[in-house]
C-alpha atoms as a PDB file:
ATOM      1  CA  MET A   1     112.632  98.066  84.188  1.00  0.00           C
ATOM      2  CA  THR A   2     112.632 100.867  86.757  1.00  0.00           C
ATOM      3  CA  ASP A   3     115.189 103.639  86.202  1.00  0.00           C
ATOM      4  CA  ILE A   4     116.354 103.871  89.816  1.00  0.00           C
ATOM      5  CA  SER A   5     118.475 106.984  89.193  1.00  0.00           C
ATOM      6  CA  SER A   6     115.338 108.866  88.112  1.00  0.00           C
ATOM      7  CA  VAL A   7     113.459 107.531  91.135  1.00  0.00           C
ATOM      8  CA  LEU A   8     116.172 108.751  93.500  1.00  0.00           C
ATOM      9  CA  LYS A   9     116.290 112.181  91.839  1.00  0.00           C
ATOM     10  CA  ASN A  10     112.585 112.565  92.563  1.00  0.00           C
ATOM     11  CA  ILE A  11     112.987 111.499  96.195  1.00  0.00           C
ATOM     12  CA  LEU A  12     116.027 113.564  97.203  1.00  0.00           C
ATOM     13  CA  PRO A  13     114.319 117.011  97.120  1.00  0.00           C
ATOM     14  CA  ALA A  14     111.913 115.761  99.820  1.00  0.00           C
ATOM     15  CA  VAL A  15     114.669 114.581 102.199  1.00  0.00           C
ATOM     16  CA  VAL A  16     115.746 117.074 104.874  1.00  0.00           C
ATOM     17  CA  LEU A  17     118.355 117.459 107.584  1.00  0.00           C
ATOM     18  CA  ILE A  18     116.878 117.931 111.063  1.00  0.00           C
ATOM     19  CA  GLU A  19     119.138 120.220 113.073  1.00  0.00           C
ATOM     20  CA  PRO A  20     118.819 121.592 116.628  1.00  0.00           C
ATOM     21  CA  GLU A  21     119.259 125.326 117.144  1.00  0.00           C
ATOM     22  CA  LYS A  22     122.069 124.724 119.603  1.00  0.00           C
ATOM     23  CA  SER A  23     124.491 122.363 117.941  1.00  0.00           C
ATOM     24  CA  GLN A  24     126.824 122.444 120.936  1.00  0.00           C
ATOM     25  CA  ARG A  25     126.224 122.190 124.673  1.00  0.00           C
ATOM     26  CA  LYS A  26     128.277 121.500 127.811  1.00  0.00           C
ATOM     27  CA  ASN A  27     127.889 118.535 130.101  1.00  0.00           C
ATOM     28  CA  SER A  28     128.432 118.436 133.873  1.00  0.00           C
ATOM     29  CA  SER A  29     132.206 118.234 133.456  1.00  0.00           C
ATOM     30  CA  GLU A  30     132.144 121.381 131.260  1.00  0.00           C
ATOM     31  CA  LYS A  31     133.166 119.429 128.174  1.00  0.00           C
ATOM     32  CA  THR A  32     131.612 120.676 124.945  1.00  0.00           C
ATOM     33  CA  LEU A  33     129.452 118.065 123.242  1.00  0.00           C
ATOM     34  CA  LYS A  34     128.354 118.374 119.630  1.00  0.00           C
ATOM     35  CA  VAL A  35     124.661 117.646 119.148  1.00  0.00           C
ATOM     36  CA  GLU A  36     124.285 115.961 115.764  1.00  0.00           C
ATOM     37  CA  GLY A  37     121.169 116.271 113.665  1.00  0.00           C
ATOM     38  CA  GLY A  38     119.230 113.543 111.935  1.00  0.00           C
ATOM     39  CA  SER A  39     117.223 113.129 108.772  1.00  0.00           C
ATOM     40  CA  GLY A  40     113.560 113.349 107.868  1.00  0.00           C
ATOM     41  CA  PHE A  41     111.337 113.389 104.801  1.00  0.00           C
ATOM     42  CA  ILE A  42     108.487 115.621 103.673  1.00  0.00           C
ATOM     43  CA  VAL A  43     105.141 113.834 103.280  1.00  0.00           C
ATOM     44  CA  SER A  44     102.798 116.659 102.240  1.00  0.00           C
ATOM     45  CA  LYS A  45     102.975 119.769 100.082  1.00  0.00           C
ATOM     46  CA  ASN A  46     102.455 121.997 103.138  1.00  0.00           C
ATOM     47  CA  GLY A  47     105.608 120.676 104.792  1.00  0.00           C
ATOM     48  CA  LEU A  48     104.688 117.852 107.167  1.00  0.00           C
ATOM     49  CA  ILE A  49     107.790 115.804 107.997  1.00  0.00           C
ATOM     50  CA  ILE A  50     108.238 112.302 109.380  1.00  0.00           C
ATOM     51  CA  THR A  51     111.406 111.538 111.337  1.00  0.00           C
ATOM     52  CA  ASN A  52     112.558 109.589 114.407  1.00  0.00           C
ATOM     53  CA  ARG A  53     111.505 110.783 117.826  1.00  0.00           C
ATOM     54  CA  HIS A  54     115.108 110.505 119.007  1.00  0.00           C
ATOM     55  CA  ASN A  55     116.040 113.205 116.464  1.00  0.00           C
ATOM     56  CA  VAL A  56     113.954 115.723 118.431  1.00  0.00           C
ATOM     57  CA  PRO A  57     114.563 114.581 122.033  1.00  0.00           C
ATOM     58  CA  ASP A  58     114.197 117.948 123.751  1.00  0.00           C
ATOM     59  CA  LYS A  59     110.749 119.575 123.524  1.00  0.00           C
ATOM     60  CA  SER A  60     112.179 122.880 124.774  1.00  0.00           C
ATOM     61  CA  GLN A  61     114.791 122.962 122.003  1.00  0.00           C
ATOM     62  CA  ARG A  62     114.168 124.669 118.661  1.00  0.00           C
ATOM     63  CA  TYR A  63     114.762 122.581 115.554  1.00  0.00           C
ATOM     64  CA  PHE A  64     115.256 123.451 111.896  1.00  0.00           C
ATOM     65  CA  ALA A  65     114.891 121.641 108.591  1.00  0.00           C
ATOM     66  CA  ILE A  66     117.590 122.143 105.982  1.00  0.00           C
ATOM     67  CA  THR A  67     116.190 121.259 102.582  1.00  0.00           C
ATOM     68  CA  TYR A  68     117.797 119.840  99.453  1.00  0.00           C
ATOM     69  CA  ASP A  69     118.495 123.365  98.147  1.00  0.00           C
ATOM     70  CA  ASN A  70     120.120 124.366 101.492  1.00  0.00           C
ATOM     71  CA  LYS A  71     117.259 126.548 102.718  1.00  0.00           C
ATOM     72  CA  LYS A  72     116.718 126.570 106.473  1.00  0.00           C
ATOM     73  CA  TYR A  73     113.226 126.541 108.002  1.00  0.00           C
ATOM     74  CA  PRO A  74     112.054 126.507 111.636  1.00  0.00           C
ATOM     75  CA  LEU A  75     110.074 123.436 112.673  1.00  0.00           C
ATOM     76  CA  LYS A  76     107.045 122.894 114.872  1.00  0.00           C
ATOM     77  CA  ILE A  77     106.816 119.571 116.727  1.00  0.00           C
ATOM     78  CA  LEU A  78     103.328 118.091 116.319  1.00  0.00           C
ATOM     79  CA  SER A  79     103.912 114.581 117.649  1.00  0.00           C
ATOM     80  CA  ARG A  80     106.615 112.595 119.468  1.00  0.00           C
ATOM     81  CA  ASN A  81     105.639 108.944 119.864  1.00  0.00           C
ATOM     82  CA  SER A  82     107.949 107.036 122.208  1.00  0.00           C
ATOM     83  CA  GLU A  83     106.250 103.707 121.450  1.00  0.00           C
ATOM     84  CA  ASN A  84     107.346 103.597 117.808  1.00  0.00           C
ATOM     85  CA  ASP A  85     110.139 106.244 117.829  1.00  0.00           C
ATOM     86  CA  VAL A  86     108.242 108.348 115.270  1.00  0.00           C
ATOM     87  CA  ALA A  87     107.908 112.131 115.309  1.00  0.00           C
ATOM     88  CA  ILE A  88     105.856 114.349 113.024  1.00  0.00           C
ATOM     89  CA  LEU A  89     107.020 117.909 112.437  1.00  0.00           C
ATOM     90  CA  LYS A  90     105.751 120.852 110.411  1.00  0.00           C
ATOM     91  CA  ILE A  91     107.836 123.337 108.449  1.00  0.00           C
ATOM     92  CA  SER A  92     106.838 126.855 109.497  1.00  0.00           C
ATOM     93  CA  SER A  93     106.327 128.235 106.016  1.00  0.00           C
ATOM     94  CA  LYS A  94     103.507 128.780 103.505  1.00  0.00           C
ATOM     95  CA  GLU A  95     105.653 127.528 100.627  1.00  0.00           C
ATOM     96  CA  ILE A  96     104.760 124.448  98.600  1.00  0.00           C
ATOM     97  CA  PHE A  97     107.218 121.581  99.114  1.00  0.00           C
ATOM     98  CA  PRO A  98     108.067 118.409  97.178  1.00  0.00           C
ATOM     99  CA  PHE A  99     106.977 115.302  99.056  1.00  0.00           C
ATOM    100  CA  VAL A 100     107.391 111.533  98.940  1.00  0.00           C
ATOM    101  CA  LYS A 101     104.860 108.799  98.237  1.00  0.00           C
ATOM    102  CA  LEU A 102     104.219 106.338 101.080  1.00  0.00           C
ATOM    103  CA  GLY A 103     104.144 102.626 100.298  1.00  0.00           C
ATOM    104  CA  ASP A 104     102.617  99.669 102.150  1.00  0.00           C
ATOM    105  CA  SER A 105     105.076  98.003 104.514  1.00  0.00           C
ATOM    106  CA  SER A 106     102.704  95.072 105.116  1.00  0.00           C
ATOM    107  CA  LYS A 107     103.549  93.763 101.618  1.00  0.00           C
ATOM    108  CA  LEU A 108     107.329  93.600 102.022  1.00  0.00           C
ATOM    109  CA  GLU A 109     109.222  90.454 101.083  1.00  0.00           C
ATOM    110  CA  LEU A 110     112.669  89.147 101.999  1.00  0.00           C
ATOM    111  CA  GLY A 111     115.260  89.939  99.347  1.00  0.00           C
ATOM    112  CA  GLU A 112     113.419  93.011  98.087  1.00  0.00           C
ATOM    113  CA  GLU A 113     115.785  95.770  96.923  1.00  0.00           C
ATOM    114  CA  VAL A 114     115.774  98.912  99.073  1.00  0.00           C
ATOM    115  CA  PHE A 115     117.636 102.223  99.343  1.00  0.00           C
ATOM    116  CA  ALA A 116     118.384 104.130 102.560  1.00  0.00           C
ATOM    117  CA  ILE A 117     118.611 107.898 102.128  1.00  0.00           C
ATOM    118  CA  GLY A 118     119.731 110.518 104.623  1.00  0.00           C
ATOM    119  CA  ASN A 119     122.505 112.724 105.910  1.00  0.00           C
ATOM    120  CA  SER A 120     124.972 110.070 106.938  1.00  0.00           C
ATOM    121  CA  LEU A 121     127.896 111.154 109.145  1.00  0.00           C
ATOM    122  CA  GLY A 122     127.308 114.774 108.167  1.00  0.00           C
ATOM    123  CA  PHE A 123     127.302 114.097 104.418  1.00  0.00           C
ATOM    124  CA  LYS A 124     124.041 115.351 102.889  1.00  0.00           C
ATOM    125  CA  ASP A 125     121.910 113.233 100.554  1.00  0.00           C
ATOM    126  CA  THR A 126     123.778 109.969 101.098  1.00  0.00           C
ATOM    127  CA  ILE A 127     122.257 106.893  99.427  1.00  0.00           C
ATOM    128  CA  SER A 128     123.038 103.280 100.296  1.00  0.00           C
ATOM    129  CA  GLN A 129     121.682 100.206  98.558  1.00  0.00           C
ATOM    130  CA  GLY A 130     120.719  96.845  99.985  1.00  0.00           C
ATOM    131  CA  ILE A 131     117.975  94.304 100.447  1.00  0.00           C
ATOM    132  CA  ILE A 132     115.413  93.465 103.088  1.00  0.00           C
ATOM    133  CA  SER A 133     117.239  90.809 105.082  1.00  0.00           C
ATOM    134  CA  GLY A 134     114.714  90.311 107.874  1.00  0.00           C
ATOM    135  CA  LEU A 135     111.208  91.203 108.995  1.00  0.00           C
ATOM    136  CA  ILE A 136     109.407  91.513 112.350  1.00  0.00           C
ATOM    137  CA  ARG A 137     112.644  92.153 114.260  1.00  0.00           C
ATOM    138  CA  GLU A 138     112.744  93.596 117.771  1.00  0.00           C
ATOM    139  CA  VAL A 139     115.436  95.967 119.069  1.00  0.00           C
ATOM    140  CA  GLY A 140     115.048  97.413 122.555  1.00  0.00           C
ATOM    141  CA  ASN A 141     111.390  98.242 123.074  1.00  0.00           C
ATOM    142  CA  ILE A 142     110.606  98.726 119.373  1.00  0.00           C
ATOM    143  CA  LYS A 143     108.959  95.775 117.646  1.00  0.00           C
ATOM    144  CA  ASP A 144     108.252  94.681 114.064  1.00  0.00           C
ATOM    145  CA  LEU A 145     111.328  96.374 112.596  1.00  0.00           C
ATOM    146  CA  ILE A 146     112.581  95.869 109.047  1.00  0.00           C
ATOM    147  CA  GLN A 147     116.134  94.524 108.904  1.00  0.00           C
ATOM    148  CA  THR A 148     118.296  95.630 105.983  1.00  0.00           C
ATOM    149  CA  ASP A 149     121.923  95.405 104.889  1.00  0.00           C
ATOM    150  CA  ALA A 150     121.732  98.910 103.394  1.00  0.00           C
ATOM    151  CA  ALA A 151     124.126 101.055 105.429  1.00  0.00           C
ATOM    152  CA  ILE A 152     122.394 103.064 108.177  1.00  0.00           C
ATOM    153  CA  ASN A 153     124.856 105.387 109.911  1.00  0.00           C
ATOM    154  CA  PRO A 154     124.606 108.236 112.446  1.00  0.00           C
ATOM    155  CA  GLY A 155     122.809 111.131 110.789  1.00  0.00           C
ATOM    156  CA  ASN A 156     120.592 109.233 108.368  1.00  0.00           C
ATOM    157  CA  SER A 157     118.264 107.881 111.026  1.00  0.00           C
ATOM    158  CA  GLY A 158     114.843 109.369 110.348  1.00  0.00           C
ATOM    159  CA  GLY A 159     115.441 109.312 106.617  1.00  0.00           C
ATOM    160  CA  PRO A 160     113.384 107.214 104.188  1.00  0.00           C
ATOM    161  CA  LEU A 161     113.938 103.590 103.284  1.00  0.00           C
ATOM    162  CA  ILE A 162     112.484 103.300  99.799  1.00  0.00           C
ATOM    163  CA  ASN A 163     111.707 100.494  97.362  1.00  0.00           C
ATOM    164  CA  ASP A 164     112.571 100.453  93.669  1.00  0.00           C
ATOM    165  CA  LYS A 165     109.264 102.206  92.876  1.00  0.00           C
ATOM    166  CA  GLY A 166     110.288 105.242  94.893  1.00  0.00           C
ATOM    167  CA  GLU A 167     107.797 104.528  97.683  1.00  0.00           C
ATOM    168  CA  VAL A 168     108.801 105.014 101.312  1.00  0.00           C
ATOM    169  CA  ILE A 169     108.376 101.673 103.064  1.00  0.00           C
ATOM    170  CA  GLY A 170     110.371 102.414 106.220  1.00  0.00           C
ATOM    171  CA  ILE A 171     111.999 105.026 108.445  1.00  0.00           C
ATOM    172  CA  ASN A 172     115.742 104.459 108.953  1.00  0.00           C
ATOM    173  CA  SER A 173     116.211 104.066 112.667  1.00  0.00           C
ATOM    174  CA  VAL A 174     118.697 101.713 114.286  1.00  0.00           C
ATOM    175  CA  MET A 175     122.189 100.524 113.526  1.00  0.00           C
ATOM    176  CA  VAL A 176     124.289  97.907 115.284  1.00  0.00           C
ATOM    177  CA  PHE A 177     127.694  99.415 116.080  1.00  0.00           C
ATOM    178  CA  GLU A 178     129.618  96.141 116.395  1.00  0.00           C
ATOM    179  CA  ALA A 179     128.125  94.446 113.350  1.00  0.00           C
ATOM    180  CA  GLU A 180     128.444  94.997 109.621  1.00  0.00           C
ATOM    181  CA  ASN A 181     125.539  95.178 107.193  1.00  0.00           C
ATOM    182  CA  ILE A 182     122.827  95.136 109.858  1.00  0.00           C
ATOM    183  CA  GLY A 183     120.476  98.084 110.144  1.00  0.00           C
ATOM    184  CA  PHE A 184     116.829  98.484 111.041  1.00  0.00           C
ATOM    185  CA  ALA A 185     113.940 100.629 109.873  1.00  0.00           C
ATOM    186  CA  ILE A 186     110.492 101.300 111.305  1.00  0.00           C
ATOM    187  CA  PRO A 187     107.749 100.105 108.921  1.00  0.00           C
ATOM    188  CA  ILE A 188     106.043 103.139 107.402  1.00  0.00           C
ATOM    189  CA  ASN A 189     102.611 101.745 108.280  1.00  0.00           C
ATOM    190  CA  LYS A 190     103.454 102.356 111.953  1.00  0.00           C
ATOM    191  CA  ALA A 191     103.614 106.095 111.242  1.00  0.00           C
ATOM    192  CA  LYS A 192     100.455 106.310 109.118  1.00  0.00           C
ATOM    193  CA  LYS A 193      98.010 106.418 112.039  1.00  0.00           C
ATOM    194  CA  ASP A 194      99.942 109.276 113.681  1.00  0.00           C
ATOM    195  CA  LEU A 195     100.079 111.111 110.348  1.00  0.00           C
ATOM    196  CA  LYS A 196      96.341 110.665 109.810  1.00  0.00           C
ATOM    197  CA  HIS A 197      95.592 112.081 113.271  1.00  0.00           C
ATOM    198  CA  VAL A 198      97.852 115.088 112.710  1.00  0.00           C
ATOM    199  CA  LYS A 199      96.175 115.872 109.383  1.00  0.00           C
ATOM    200  CA  GLU A 200      92.676 115.544 110.857  1.00  0.00           C
ATOM    201  CA  TYR A 201      93.103 116.946 114.381  1.00  0.00           C
ATOM    202  CA  GLY A 202      96.439 118.771 114.401  1.00  0.00           C
ATOM    203  CA  ARG A 203      97.714 116.335 117.031  1.00  0.00           C
ATOM    204  CA  VAL A 204      97.966 112.620 117.733  1.00  0.00           C
ATOM    205  CA  ARG A 205      95.017 111.350 119.757  1.00  0.00           C
ATOM    206  CA  ARG A 206      96.089 108.768 122.339  1.00  0.00           C
ATOM    207  CA  PRO A 207      93.688 105.973 123.305  1.00  0.00           C
ATOM    208  CA  PHE A 208      92.840 105.468 126.982  1.00  0.00           C
ATOM    209  CA  LEU A 209      91.443 102.213 128.314  1.00  0.00           C
ATOM    210  CA  GLY A 210      91.374 102.821 132.047  1.00  0.00           C
ATOM    211  CA  PHE A 211      93.347  99.793 133.216  1.00  0.00           C
ATOM    212  CA  ASN A 212      96.885  98.447 133.415  1.00  0.00           C
ATOM    213  CA  TYR A 213      97.890  94.862 132.785  1.00  0.00           C
ATOM    214  CA  ILE A 214     100.784  92.417 132.650  1.00  0.00           C
ATOM    215  CA  ASP A 215     101.194  90.029 129.708  1.00  0.00           C
ATOM    216  CA  GLN A 216     101.314  86.337 130.559  1.00  0.00           C
ATOM    217  CA  ARG A 217     101.851  83.216 128.452  1.00  0.00           C
ATOM    218  CA  LYS A 218      98.099  82.848 128.155  1.00  0.00           C
ATOM    219  CA  GLY A 219      96.120  86.009 128.654  1.00  0.00           C
ATOM    220  CA  ALA A 220      96.814  89.361 130.296  1.00  0.00           C
ATOM    221  CA  LEU A 221      96.554  89.894 134.063  1.00  0.00           C
ATOM    222  CA  VAL A 222      94.710  93.076 135.073  1.00  0.00           C
ATOM    223  CA  VAL A 223      96.674  94.830 137.858  1.00  0.00           C
ATOM    224  CA  GLU A 224      95.002  98.252 138.162  1.00  0.00           C
ATOM    225  CA  VAL A 225      91.546  99.551 137.217  1.00  0.00           C
ATOM    226  CA  LYS A 226      90.299 103.141 137.151  1.00  0.00           C
ATOM    227  CA  ASP A 227      87.143 103.869 139.127  1.00  0.00           C
ATOM    228  CA  PHE A 228      84.890 104.365 136.085  1.00  0.00           C
ATOM    229  CA  LEU A 229      85.594 100.784 134.936  1.00  0.00           C
ATOM    230  CA  LYS A 230      85.245  98.914 138.223  1.00  0.00           C
ATOM    231  CA  ASN A 231      81.722  97.723 137.436  1.00  0.00           C
ATOM    232  CA  ASP A 232      83.084  95.885 134.372  1.00  0.00           C
ATOM    233  CA  LEU A 233      86.663  94.958 135.182  1.00  0.00           C
ATOM    234  CA  LYS A 234      88.452  94.086 138.398  1.00  0.00           C
ATOM    235  CA  GLU A 235      92.029  93.591 139.503  1.00  0.00           C
ATOM    236  CA  ASN A 236      93.246  89.999 139.038  1.00  0.00           C
ATOM    237  CA  ASP A 237      90.864  89.424 136.116  1.00  0.00           C
ATOM    238  CA  ILE A 238      92.589  87.618 133.270  1.00  0.00           C
ATOM    239  CA  ILE A 239      91.821  88.843 129.737  1.00  0.00           C
ATOM    240  CA  LEU A 240      91.700  85.749 127.528  1.00  0.00           C
ATOM    241  CA  GLU A 241      90.529  87.271 124.243  1.00  0.00           C
ATOM    242  CA  CYS A 242      90.390  90.692 122.589  1.00  0.00           C
ATOM    243  CA  ASN A 243      87.912  91.184 119.742  1.00  0.00           C
ATOM    244  CA  GLY A 244      87.704  87.442 119.161  1.00  0.00           C
ATOM    245  CA  GLN A 245      91.462  86.760 119.162  1.00  0.00           C
ATOM    246  CA  LYS A 246      93.098  84.729 121.890  1.00  0.00           C
ATOM    247  CA  ILE A 247      95.845  86.455 123.883  1.00  0.00           C
ATOM    248  CA  THR A 248      99.039  84.395 123.600  1.00  0.00           C
ATOM    249  CA  GLU A 249     102.799  84.910 123.528  1.00  0.00           C
ATOM    250  CA  ASP A 250     102.548  85.488 119.765  1.00  0.00           C
ATOM    251  CA  PHE A 251      99.488  87.760 119.918  1.00  0.00           C
ATOM    252  CA  GLN A 252      99.591  89.940 123.020  1.00  0.00           C
ATOM    253  CA  LEU A 253      96.919  92.316 124.241  1.00  0.00           C
ATOM    254  CA  GLU A 254      99.009  95.269 123.057  1.00  0.00           C
ATOM    255  CA  ASP A 255      98.793  93.995 119.467  1.00  0.00           C
ATOM    256  CA  CYS A 256      94.999  94.065 119.613  1.00  0.00           C
ATOM    257  CA  LEU A 257      94.744  97.444 121.325  1.00  0.00           C
ATOM    258  CA  LYS A 258      97.072  99.200 118.856  1.00  0.00           C
ATOM    259  CA  ALA A 259      94.658  98.422 116.026  1.00  0.00           C
ATOM    260  CA  LEU A 260      91.744 100.138 117.787  1.00  0.00           C
ATOM    261  CA  GLU A 261      90.688 103.728 117.184  1.00  0.00           C
ATOM    262  CA  ILE A 262      89.209 106.175 119.678  1.00  0.00           C
ATOM    263  CA  GLY A 263      85.439 105.776 119.664  1.00  0.00           C
ATOM    264  CA  GLU A 264      85.584 102.060 118.874  1.00  0.00           C
ATOM    265  CA  THR A 265      84.774  99.326 121.376  1.00  0.00           C
ATOM    266  CA  ALA A 266      87.087  96.603 122.657  1.00  0.00           C
ATOM    267  CA  LYS A 267      85.332  93.288 123.296  1.00  0.00           C
ATOM    268  CA  PHE A 268      87.049  91.189 125.940  1.00  0.00           C
ATOM    269  CA  LYS A 269      86.557  87.646 127.169  1.00  0.00           C
ATOM    270  CA  ILE A 270      87.799  87.552 130.757  1.00  0.00           C
ATOM    271  CA  LYS A 271      88.272  84.966 133.491  1.00  0.00           C
ATOM    272  CA  ARG A 272      87.315  86.017 137.018  1.00  0.00           C
ATOM    273  CA  LYS A 273      88.207  83.238 139.440  1.00  0.00           C
ATOM    274  CA  LYS A 274      86.421  80.276 137.797  1.00  0.00           C
ATOM    275  CA  GLU A 275      83.865  82.306 135.855  1.00  0.00           C
ATOM    276  CA  ILE A 276      84.181  83.322 132.176  1.00  0.00           C
ATOM    277  CA  ARG A 277      82.600  86.660 131.236  1.00  0.00           C
ATOM    278  CA  GLU A 278      82.354  88.863 128.161  1.00  0.00           C
ATOM    279  CA  ILE A 279      82.562  92.643 128.497  1.00  0.00           C
ATOM    280  CA  GLU A 280      82.809  95.668 126.197  1.00  0.00           C
ATOM    281  CA  ILE A 281      84.941  98.738 126.931  1.00  0.00           C
ATOM    282  CA  PRO A 282      84.757 101.928 124.806  1.00  0.00           C
ATOM    283  CA  ILE A 283      88.089 103.398 123.718  1.00  0.00           C
ATOM    284  CA  LYS A 284      88.370 106.963 125.008  1.00  0.00           C
ATOM    285  CA  GLU A 285      90.897 109.692 124.263  1.00  0.00           C
ATOM    286  CA  LYS A 286      93.698 110.157 126.764  1.00  0.00           C
ATOM    287  CA  ILE A 287      93.562 113.723 128.079  1.00  0.00           C
END
């Protein structure tokens, strides 16, 4: 049987408070507003941190990490991904830091015991216990969220959601103000691609296809095409399949494209008027 108290003791030193340099600012009516921090967790010995993008909303602002032993370090923002609300930061220090182990969020099951850790309501190193009460939830524009009844309060968003093995399986993110025992976390697998890019390239590489589209019940309607693609794809084409998978309400084009890496090729089956064609488009890096 897992000794969960020992597991939590190993995790806590890698959980940090993310704090803006200016904790107070004035709005247009000259009222002073307190800018609260969030949580994050260290994922490498050289001080890479995963947190929520909404914890570092202002690129011009300076942010700091306050560690378990109350040391304060300046942070460098390496990535802010608005699609999955994930940010990757780097502690500006040559020290060696404790870090967490990442799990596999694709293997989660309903009823699995989890623990949300963070700096809830200004209280450092707060731990709440619960279970996974839902999977593949959607809140706002963020999809595939983990639903949990572990308490997620202001301040512990960005902190780790861990399983009973001490593996991070989610990033605490969203709470529902008018409901009890309903919180949401971003599956950790959604952050792994960004983390891999940062480790390899020092930044997140964004894919660029060269066209815009609108999802439909069956297929995706192409509405704008960049000049370099106009020999292959045209406006009003309907993309029926992506890499052999049919585009439907349950599997949209976005789901296919997110799995592709820069340098790979997307294979599309398209309908142009009454003609069915197959084309290939290389995935380029967005500059």
